[in-house]
């Protein structure tokens, strides 16, 4: 009698676990924002158009870095101004008000920032490493752990890549000492094969270089590794308090 292939068995088990996890998530998804119907409705509305969703997330990503009302309105026009989708009517109305002059621009920019803060409070751990650390600490009190990510997708220059690297370094360097003061949690901090880090940071490799070029993969890898090494740093702690993993974005 033929024995089942080990890899096929493992693959089947992975699918079984995945279906079970997704089933549980679907069962709890409706309750995640049950206390905030406005947020749930807006997000569901935003997901109805893939291109509009992408442009909205890009706009939300860049919004904190915009300096003044005029720059905010210009980016709103660039990202969402002439695009169809669920936000088209509101975008046109906002741009109409902004074109009325200085008061209109400031009113629209202020409302945009207020709306983003309102929506983001459900999904963004914080604007600083200290705020993110407090969020992770709250999650740990509930018996859960988390991995932190930086907002941002596209990196189009070396200056942006260096800025992302600095933000990752700040996150790891500031949270690692803070994590040592957190109460130990046996279910989160230990496994049969050893201790687990209390802080996890997911690093987008595509945020560390604008030169992901299939023509020169070795050169692209060299650039990314040079920026990645300081984030990982030397192994100098006896008790792990932080860990970085990496991922790519398509």
C-alpha atoms as a PDB file:
ATOM      1  CA  UNK A   1       0.000   0.000   0.000  1.00  0.00           C
ATOM      2  CA  UNK A   2       1.408   3.378  -0.968  1.00  0.00           C
ATOM      3  CA  UNK A   3       2.247   5.712   1.888  1.00  0.00           C
ATOM      4  CA  UNK A   4       0.920   9.298   1.681  1.00  0.00           C
ATOM      5  CA  UNK A   5       3.490  11.896   0.718  1.00  0.00           C
ATOM      6  CA  UNK A   6       4.701  13.787   3.798  1.00  0.00           C
ATOM      7  CA  UNK A   7       4.653  17.165   2.077  1.00  0.00           C
ATOM      8  CA  UNK A   8       1.102  16.571   0.808  1.00  0.00           C
ATOM      9  CA  UNK A   9      -0.026  15.696   4.339  1.00  0.00           C
ATOM     10  CA  UNK A  10       1.621  18.825   5.702  1.00  0.00           C
ATOM     11  CA  UNK A  11       0.034  20.956   2.999  1.00  0.00           C
ATOM     12  CA  UNK A  12      -3.387  19.503   3.759  1.00  0.00           C
ATOM     13  CA  UNK A  13      -2.910  20.207   7.447  1.00  0.00           C
ATOM     14  CA  UNK A  14      -1.868  23.793   6.708  1.00  0.00           C
ATOM     15  CA  UNK A  15      -5.034  24.294   4.658  1.00  0.00           C
ATOM     16  CA  UNK A  16      -7.121  22.789   7.447  1.00  0.00           C
ATOM     17  CA  UNK A  17      -5.629  25.140  10.042  1.00  0.00           C
ATOM     18  CA  UNK A  18      -6.009  28.106   7.702  1.00  0.00           C
ATOM     19  CA  UNK A  19      -9.676  27.392   7.045  1.00  0.00           C
ATOM     20  CA  UNK A  20     -10.291  27.036  10.761  1.00  0.00           C
ATOM     21  CA  UNK A  21      -8.588  30.365  11.526  1.00  0.00           C
ATOM     22  CA  UNK A  22     -10.449  32.210   8.780  1.00  0.00           C
ATOM     23  CA  UNK A  23     -13.710  30.714   9.960  1.00  0.00           C
ATOM     24  CA  UNK A  24     -13.094  32.011  13.464  1.00  0.00           C
ATOM     25  CA  UNK A  25     -12.085  35.441  12.170  1.00  0.00           C
ATOM     26  CA  UNK A  26     -15.251  35.701  10.073  1.00  0.00           C
ATOM     27  CA  UNK A  27     -17.292  34.854  13.120  1.00  0.00           C
ATOM     28  CA  UNK A  28     -15.757  37.684  15.115  1.00  0.00           C
ATOM     29  CA  UNK A  29     -15.296  40.267  12.334  1.00  0.00           C
ATOM     30  CA  UNK A  30     -18.804  41.660  12.679  1.00  0.00           C
ATOM     31  CA  UNK A  31     -18.215  42.408  16.351  1.00  0.00           C
ATOM     32  CA  UNK A  32     -14.853  44.097  15.858  1.00  0.00           C
ATOM     33  CA  UNK A  33     -16.412  47.472  15.074  1.00  0.00           C
ATOM     34  CA  UNK A  34     -19.881  46.780  16.411  1.00  0.00           C
ATOM     35  CA  UNK A  35     -19.621  49.686  18.821  1.00  0.00           C
ATOM     36  CA  UNK A  36     -18.823  52.109  16.006  1.00  0.00           C
ATOM     37  CA  UNK A  37     -21.248  51.706  13.116  1.00  0.00           C
ATOM     38  CA  UNK A  38     -20.027  54.846  11.364  1.00  0.00           C
ATOM     39  CA  UNK A  39     -16.446  53.548  11.134  1.00  0.00           C
ATOM     40  CA  UNK A  40     -17.616  50.098  10.051  1.00  0.00           C
ATOM     41  CA  UNK A  41     -19.855  51.601   7.362  1.00  0.00           C
ATOM     42  CA  UNK A  42     -17.151  53.898   6.010  1.00  0.00           C
ATOM     43  CA  UNK A  43     -14.610  51.100   5.791  1.00  0.00           C
ATOM     44  CA  UNK A  44     -17.038  48.727   4.115  1.00  0.00           C
ATOM     45  CA  UNK A  45     -17.875  51.494   1.636  1.00  0.00           C
ATOM     46  CA  UNK A  46     -14.188  52.149   0.976  1.00  0.00           C
ATOM     47  CA  UNK A  47     -13.530  48.496   0.160  1.00  0.00           C
ATOM     48  CA  UNK A  48     -16.046  48.434  -2.697  1.00  0.00           C
ATOM     49  CA  UNK A  49     -13.596  49.893  -5.246  1.00  0.00           C
ATOM     50  CA  UNK A  50     -10.058  48.487  -5.414  1.00  0.00           C
ATOM     51  CA  UNK A  51      -8.455  51.490  -7.133  1.00  0.00           C
ATOM     52  CA  UNK A  52     -10.187  53.999  -4.865  1.00  0.00           C
ATOM     53  CA  UNK A  53      -9.118  51.971  -1.820  1.00  0.00           C
ATOM     54  CA  UNK A  54      -5.489  51.992  -2.968  1.00  0.00           C
ATOM     55  CA  UNK A  55      -5.487  55.742  -3.600  1.00  0.00           C
ATOM     56  CA  UNK A  56      -7.201  56.410  -0.271  1.00  0.00           C
ATOM     57  CA  UNK A  57      -4.611  54.396   1.653  1.00  0.00           C
ATOM     58  CA  UNK A  58      -1.799  56.182  -0.156  1.00  0.00           C
ATOM     59  CA  UNK A  59      -3.326  59.534   0.719  1.00  0.00           C
ATOM     60  CA  UNK A  60      -3.753  58.519   4.375  1.00  0.00           C
ATOM     61  CA  UNK A  61      -0.158  57.333   4.402  1.00  0.00           C
ATOM     62  CA  UNK A  62       1.272  60.629   3.179  1.00  0.00           C
ATOM     63  CA  UNK A  63      -1.106  62.926   5.091  1.00  0.00           C
ATOM     64  CA  UNK A  64       0.935  63.195   8.344  1.00  0.00           C
ATOM     65  CA  UNK A  65       3.946  64.437   6.371  1.00  0.00           C
ATOM     66  CA  UNK A  66       2.092  67.237   4.563  1.00  0.00           C
ATOM     67  CA  UNK A  67       3.081  70.637   5.801  1.00  0.00           C
ATOM     68  CA  UNK A  68       0.124  72.959   5.262  1.00  0.00           C
ATOM     69  CA  UNK A  69      -3.444  73.178   4.008  1.00  0.00           C
ATOM     70  CA  UNK A  70      -2.464  74.009   0.427  1.00  0.00           C
ATOM     71  CA  UNK A  71      -0.209  70.943   0.223  1.00  0.00           C
ATOM     72  CA  UNK A  72      -2.941  68.754   1.717  1.00  0.00           C
ATOM     73  CA  UNK A  73      -5.488  69.928  -0.855  1.00  0.00           C
ATOM     74  CA  UNK A  74      -3.000  69.461  -3.687  1.00  0.00           C
ATOM     75  CA  UNK A  75      -2.394  65.851  -2.649  1.00  0.00           C
ATOM     76  CA  UNK A  76      -6.135  65.251  -2.288  1.00  0.00           C
ATOM     77  CA  UNK A  77      -6.565  66.459  -5.864  1.00  0.00           C
ATOM     78  CA  UNK A  78      -3.670  64.312  -7.108  1.00  0.00           C
ATOM     79  CA  UNK A  79      -4.730  61.106  -5.375  1.00  0.00           C
ATOM     80  CA  UNK A  80      -8.523  61.245  -5.528  1.00  0.00           C
ATOM     81  CA  UNK A  81      -9.574  64.318  -7.484  1.00  0.00           C
ATOM     82  CA  UNK A  82     -10.497  62.892 -10.871  1.00  0.00           C
ATOM     83  CA  UNK A  83     -11.110  59.265  -9.933  1.00  0.00           C
ATOM     84  CA  UNK A  84     -14.485  57.537  -9.856  1.00  0.00           C
ATOM     85  CA  UNK A  85     -15.415  55.518  -6.839  1.00  0.00           C
ATOM     86  CA  UNK A  86     -17.211  55.747  -3.512  1.00  0.00           C
ATOM     87  CA  UNK A  87     -15.482  59.020  -2.526  1.00  0.00           C
ATOM     88  CA  UNK A  88     -15.884  60.886  -5.809  1.00  0.00           C
ATOM     89  CA  UNK A  89     -18.836  63.052  -4.746  1.00  0.00           C
ATOM     90  CA  UNK A  90     -17.263  64.022  -1.430  1.00  0.00           C
ATOM     91  CA  UNK A  91     -13.902  64.665  -3.055  1.00  0.00           C
ATOM     92  CA  UNK A  92     -15.440  67.013  -5.626  1.00  0.00           C
ATOM     93  CA  UNK A  93     -17.346  68.846  -2.898  1.00  0.00           C
ATOM     94  CA  UNK A  94     -14.194  69.212  -0.800  1.00  0.00           C
ATOM     95  CA  UNK A  95     -12.153  70.500  -3.723  1.00  0.00           C
ATOM     96  CA  UNK A  96     -14.918  72.957  -4.618  1.00  0.00           C
ATOM     97  CA  UNK A  97     -14.802  74.376  -1.074  1.00  0.00           C
ATOM     98  CA  UNK A  98     -10.986  74.423  -1.097  1.00  0.00           C
ATOM     99  CA  UNK A  99     -10.965  76.399  -4.349  1.00  0.00           C
ATOM    100  CA  UNK A 100     -12.948  79.197  -2.669  1.00  0.00           C
ATOM    101  CA  UNK A 101      -9.778  80.457  -1.033  1.00  0.00           C
ATOM    102  CA  UNK A 102      -7.727  80.347   2.158  1.00  0.00           C
ATOM    103  CA  UNK A 103     -10.624  79.608   4.573  1.00  0.00           C
ATOM    104  CA  UNK A 104     -11.887  76.795   2.348  1.00  0.00           C
ATOM    105  CA  UNK A 105      -8.471  75.141   2.075  1.00  0.00           C
ATOM    106  CA  UNK A 106      -7.966  75.217   5.843  1.00  0.00           C
ATOM    107  CA  UNK A 107     -11.473  73.898   6.507  1.00  0.00           C
ATOM    108  CA  UNK A 108     -11.014  70.967   4.108  1.00  0.00           C
ATOM    109  CA  UNK A 109      -7.512  70.145   5.363  1.00  0.00           C
ATOM    110  CA  UNK A 110      -8.690  70.255   8.973  1.00  0.00           C
ATOM    111  CA  UNK A 111     -11.659  67.984   8.293  1.00  0.00           C
ATOM    112  CA  UNK A 112      -9.460  65.497   6.430  1.00  0.00           C
ATOM    113  CA  UNK A 113      -7.007  65.239   9.309  1.00  0.00           C
ATOM    114  CA  UNK A 114      -9.839  64.902  11.812  1.00  0.00           C
ATOM    115  CA  UNK A 115     -11.468  62.117   9.765  1.00  0.00           C
ATOM    116  CA  UNK A 116      -8.190  60.215   9.357  1.00  0.00           C
ATOM    117  CA  UNK A 117      -7.470  60.413  13.086  1.00  0.00           C
ATOM    118  CA  UNK A 118     -10.994  59.187  13.825  1.00  0.00           C
ATOM    119  CA  UNK A 119     -10.683  56.183  11.523  1.00  0.00           C
ATOM    120  CA  UNK A 120      -7.062  55.480  12.335  1.00  0.00           C
ATOM    121  CA  UNK A 121      -7.558  55.125  16.085  1.00  0.00           C
ATOM    122  CA  UNK A 122      -8.892  51.595  15.481  1.00  0.00           C
ATOM    123  CA  UNK A 123      -5.923  50.399  13.448  1.00  0.00           C
ATOM    124  CA  UNK A 124      -2.889  52.603  14.125  1.00  0.00           C
ATOM    125  CA  UNK A 125      -0.933  51.829  17.303  1.00  0.00           C
ATOM    126  CA  UNK A 126       0.460  55.339  17.606  1.00  0.00           C
ATOM    127  CA  UNK A 127       2.286  58.220  16.001  1.00  0.00           C
ATOM    128  CA  UNK A 128       5.495  57.662  18.015  1.00  0.00           C
ATOM    129  CA  UNK A 129       7.424  54.636  19.328  1.00  0.00           C
ATOM    130  CA  UNK A 130       6.255  55.486  22.848  1.00  0.00           C
ATOM    131  CA  UNK A 131       2.585  55.449  21.794  1.00  0.00           C
ATOM    132  CA  UNK A 132       3.106  52.175  19.894  1.00  0.00           C
ATOM    133  CA  UNK A 133       4.735  50.664  22.958  1.00  0.00           C
ATOM    134  CA  UNK A 134       1.774  51.564  25.142  1.00  0.00           C
ATOM    135  CA  UNK A 135      -0.562  49.973  22.584  1.00  0.00           C
ATOM    136  CA  UNK A 136       1.418  46.711  22.569  1.00  0.00           C
ATOM    137  CA  UNK A 137       1.429  46.722  26.352  1.00  0.00           C
ATOM    138  CA  UNK A 138      -2.375  47.021  26.393  1.00  0.00           C
ATOM    139  CA  UNK A 139      -2.653  44.136  23.926  1.00  0.00           C
ATOM    140  CA  UNK A 140      -0.382  41.990  26.085  1.00  0.00           C
ATOM    141  CA  UNK A 141      -2.620  42.546  29.088  1.00  0.00           C
ATOM    142  CA  UNK A 142      -5.345  40.802  27.104  1.00  0.00           C
ATOM    143  CA  UNK A 143      -3.130  37.770  26.516  1.00  0.00           C
ATOM    144  CA  UNK A 144      -2.241  38.683  22.936  1.00  0.00           C
ATOM    145  CA  UNK A 145       0.893  39.761  21.151  1.00  0.00           C
ATOM    146  CA  UNK A 146       1.450  41.900  18.065  1.00  0.00           C
ATOM    147  CA  UNK A 147       3.874  42.879  15.369  1.00  0.00           C
ATOM    148  CA  UNK A 148       4.406  46.554  14.580  1.00  0.00           C
ATOM    149  CA  UNK A 149       4.653  47.979  11.102  1.00  0.00           C
ATOM    150  CA  UNK A 150       5.357  51.462   9.789  1.00  0.00           C
ATOM    151  CA  UNK A 151       2.819  53.244   7.644  1.00  0.00           C
ATOM    152  CA  UNK A 152       4.150  53.652   4.152  1.00  0.00           C
ATOM    153  CA  UNK A 153       4.311  51.708   0.942  1.00  0.00           C
ATOM    154  CA  UNK A 154       6.199  53.329  -1.891  1.00  0.00           C
ATOM    155  CA  UNK A 155       9.831  54.405  -1.588  1.00  0.00           C
ATOM    156  CA  UNK A 156      10.963  56.463  -4.559  1.00  0.00           C
ATOM    157  CA  UNK A 157      14.295  57.971  -3.428  1.00  0.00           C
ATOM    158  CA  UNK A 158      17.356  57.253  -1.308  1.00  0.00           C
ATOM    159  CA  UNK A 159      16.321  60.008   1.090  1.00  0.00           C
ATOM    160  CA  UNK A 160      12.978  58.283   1.704  1.00  0.00           C
ATOM    161  CA  UNK A 161      14.733  54.938   2.188  1.00  0.00           C
ATOM    162  CA  UNK A 162      17.097  56.464   4.734  1.00  0.00           C
ATOM    163  CA  UNK A 163      14.135  58.042   6.541  1.00  0.00           C
ATOM    164  CA  UNK A 164      12.334  54.684   6.731  1.00  0.00           C
ATOM    165  CA  UNK A 165      15.496  53.052   8.073  1.00  0.00           C
ATOM    166  CA  UNK A 166      15.770  55.736  10.768  1.00  0.00           C
ATOM    167  CA  UNK A 167      12.130  55.172  11.786  1.00  0.00           C
ATOM    168  CA  UNK A 168      12.649  51.417  12.059  1.00  0.00           C
ATOM    169  CA  UNK A 169      15.793  51.960  14.130  1.00  0.00           C
ATOM    170  CA  UNK A 170      13.955  54.345  16.454  1.00  0.00           C
ATOM    171  CA  UNK A 171      11.136  51.850  16.900  1.00  0.00           C
ATOM    172  CA  UNK A 172      13.451  48.978  17.831  1.00  0.00           C
ATOM    173  CA  UNK A 173      15.859  51.031  19.950  1.00  0.00           C
ATOM    174  CA  UNK A 174      13.156  52.787  21.959  1.00  0.00           C
ATOM    175  CA  UNK A 175      10.837  49.837  22.479  1.00  0.00           C
ATOM    176  CA  UNK A 176      13.480  47.284  23.486  1.00  0.00           C
ATOM    177  CA  UNK A 177      14.356  49.017  26.807  1.00  0.00           C
ATOM    178  CA  UNK A 178      10.670  49.658  27.521  1.00  0.00           C
ATOM    179  CA  UNK A 179       9.823  45.993  26.936  1.00  0.00           C
ATOM    180  CA  UNK A 180      12.145  44.950  29.755  1.00  0.00           C
ATOM    181  CA  UNK A 181       9.841  46.679  32.223  1.00  0.00           C
ATOM    182  CA  UNK A 182       6.715  44.827  31.062  1.00  0.00           C
ATOM    183  CA  UNK A 183       5.328  42.055  33.231  1.00  0.00           C
ATOM    184  CA  UNK A 184       6.293  38.590  32.059  1.00  0.00           C
ATOM    185  CA  UNK A 185       3.579  36.518  30.422  1.00  0.00           C
ATOM    186  CA  UNK A 186       4.289  32.792  30.263  1.00  0.00           C
ATOM    187  CA  UNK A 187       1.971  32.224  27.335  1.00  0.00           C
ATOM    188  CA  UNK A 188       3.570  34.985  25.252  1.00  0.00           C
ATOM    189  CA  UNK A 189       7.217  35.101  26.282  1.00  0.00           C
ATOM    190  CA  UNK A 190       8.256  31.449  26.391  1.00  0.00           C
ATOM    191  CA  UNK A 191       8.079  28.303  24.287  1.00  0.00           C
ATOM    192  CA  UNK A 192       9.501  24.800  24.720  1.00  0.00           C
ATOM    193  CA  UNK A 193      12.400  25.819  22.469  1.00  0.00           C
ATOM    194  CA  UNK A 194      13.246  29.073  24.244  1.00  0.00           C
ATOM    195  CA  UNK A 195      12.293  32.654  25.028  1.00  0.00           C
ATOM    196  CA  UNK A 196      10.305  34.815  22.628  1.00  0.00           C
ATOM    197  CA  UNK A 197      10.791  38.552  22.051  1.00  0.00           C
ATOM    198  CA  UNK A 198       8.257  40.916  23.559  1.00  0.00           C
ATOM    199  CA  UNK A 199       8.466  43.359  20.649  1.00  0.00           C
ATOM    200  CA  UNK A 200       8.090  42.308  17.010  1.00  0.00           C
ATOM    201  CA  UNK A 201       8.691  44.696  14.111  1.00  0.00           C
ATOM    202  CA  UNK A 202       7.826  43.808  10.513  1.00  0.00           C
ATOM    203  CA  UNK A 203      10.168  45.519   8.072  1.00  0.00           C
ATOM    204  CA  UNK A 204       9.112  46.195   4.481  1.00  0.00           C
ATOM    205  CA  UNK A 205      12.171  45.488   2.361  1.00  0.00           C
ATOM    206  CA  UNK A 206      10.649  47.646  -0.373  1.00  0.00           C
ATOM    207  CA  UNK A 207      10.729  50.615   2.024  1.00  0.00           C
ATOM    208  CA  UNK A 208      14.523  50.389   2.328  1.00  0.00           C
ATOM    209  CA  UNK A 209      15.416  50.965  -1.306  1.00  0.00           C
ATOM    210  CA  UNK A 210      13.885  52.488  -4.437  1.00  0.00           C
ATOM    211  CA  UNK A 211      16.013  50.167  -6.594  1.00  0.00           C
ATOM    212  CA  UNK A 212      14.127  46.858  -6.662  1.00  0.00           C
ATOM    213  CA  UNK A 213      15.203  46.126 -10.218  1.00  0.00           C
ATOM    214  CA  UNK A 214      14.765  42.627 -11.735  1.00  0.00           C
ATOM    215  CA  UNK A 215      17.606  43.440 -14.126  1.00  0.00           C
ATOM    216  CA  UNK A 216      20.060  43.737 -11.207  1.00  0.00           C
ATOM    217  CA  UNK A 217      18.743  41.604  -8.323  1.00  0.00           C
ATOM    218  CA  UNK A 218      22.174  41.249  -6.741  1.00  0.00           C
ATOM    219  CA  UNK A 219      22.682  45.019  -6.658  1.00  0.00           C
ATOM    220  CA  UNK A 220      19.214  45.561  -5.214  1.00  0.00           C
ATOM    221  CA  UNK A 221      19.881  42.938  -2.540  1.00  0.00           C
ATOM    222  CA  UNK A 222      23.183  44.601  -1.579  1.00  0.00           C
ATOM    223  CA  UNK A 223      21.500  47.968  -1.081  1.00  0.00           C
ATOM    224  CA  UNK A 224      18.684  46.488   1.017  1.00  0.00           C
ATOM    225  CA  UNK A 225      21.017  44.359   3.163  1.00  0.00           C
ATOM    226  CA  UNK A 226      23.184  47.387   3.923  1.00  0.00           C
ATOM    227  CA  UNK A 227      20.160  49.237   5.306  1.00  0.00           C
ATOM    228  CA  UNK A 228      18.745  46.149   7.017  1.00  0.00           C
ATOM    229  CA  UNK A 229      21.829  45.185   9.051  1.00  0.00           C
ATOM    230  CA  UNK A 230      21.707  48.158  11.486  1.00  0.00           C
ATOM    231  CA  UNK A 231      18.034  47.411  12.186  1.00  0.00           C
ATOM    232  CA  UNK A 232      18.820  43.844  13.204  1.00  0.00           C
ATOM    233  CA  UNK A 233      21.900  44.974  15.114  1.00  0.00           C
ATOM    234  CA  UNK A 234      24.391  42.761  16.948  1.00  0.00           C
ATOM    235  CA  UNK A 235      23.072  39.994  19.243  1.00  0.00           C
ATOM    236  CA  UNK A 236      23.845  41.654  22.554  1.00  0.00           C
ATOM    237  CA  UNK A 237      20.889  40.757  24.794  1.00  0.00           C
ATOM    238  CA  UNK A 238      20.599  37.613  26.926  1.00  0.00           C
ATOM    239  CA  UNK A 239      16.792  38.007  27.147  1.00  0.00           C
ATOM    240  CA  UNK A 240      15.210  38.756  23.774  1.00  0.00           C
ATOM    241  CA  UNK A 241      13.099  41.897  23.890  1.00  0.00           C
ATOM    242  CA  UNK A 242      12.739  42.654  20.190  1.00  0.00           C
ATOM    243  CA  UNK A 243      12.751  40.887  16.865  1.00  0.00           C
ATOM    244  CA  UNK A 244      12.542  42.115  13.293  1.00  0.00           C
ATOM    245  CA  UNK A 245      11.017  40.139  10.467  1.00  0.00           C
ATOM    246  CA  UNK A 246      10.890  41.260   6.886  1.00  0.00           C
ATOM    247  CA  UNK A 247       8.380  41.223   4.089  1.00  0.00           C
ATOM    248  CA  UNK A 248       8.051  42.501   0.559  1.00  0.00           C
ATOM    249  CA  UNK A 249       5.180  44.448  -0.922  1.00  0.00           C
ATOM    250  CA  UNK A 250       3.886  43.962  -4.422  1.00  0.00           C
END
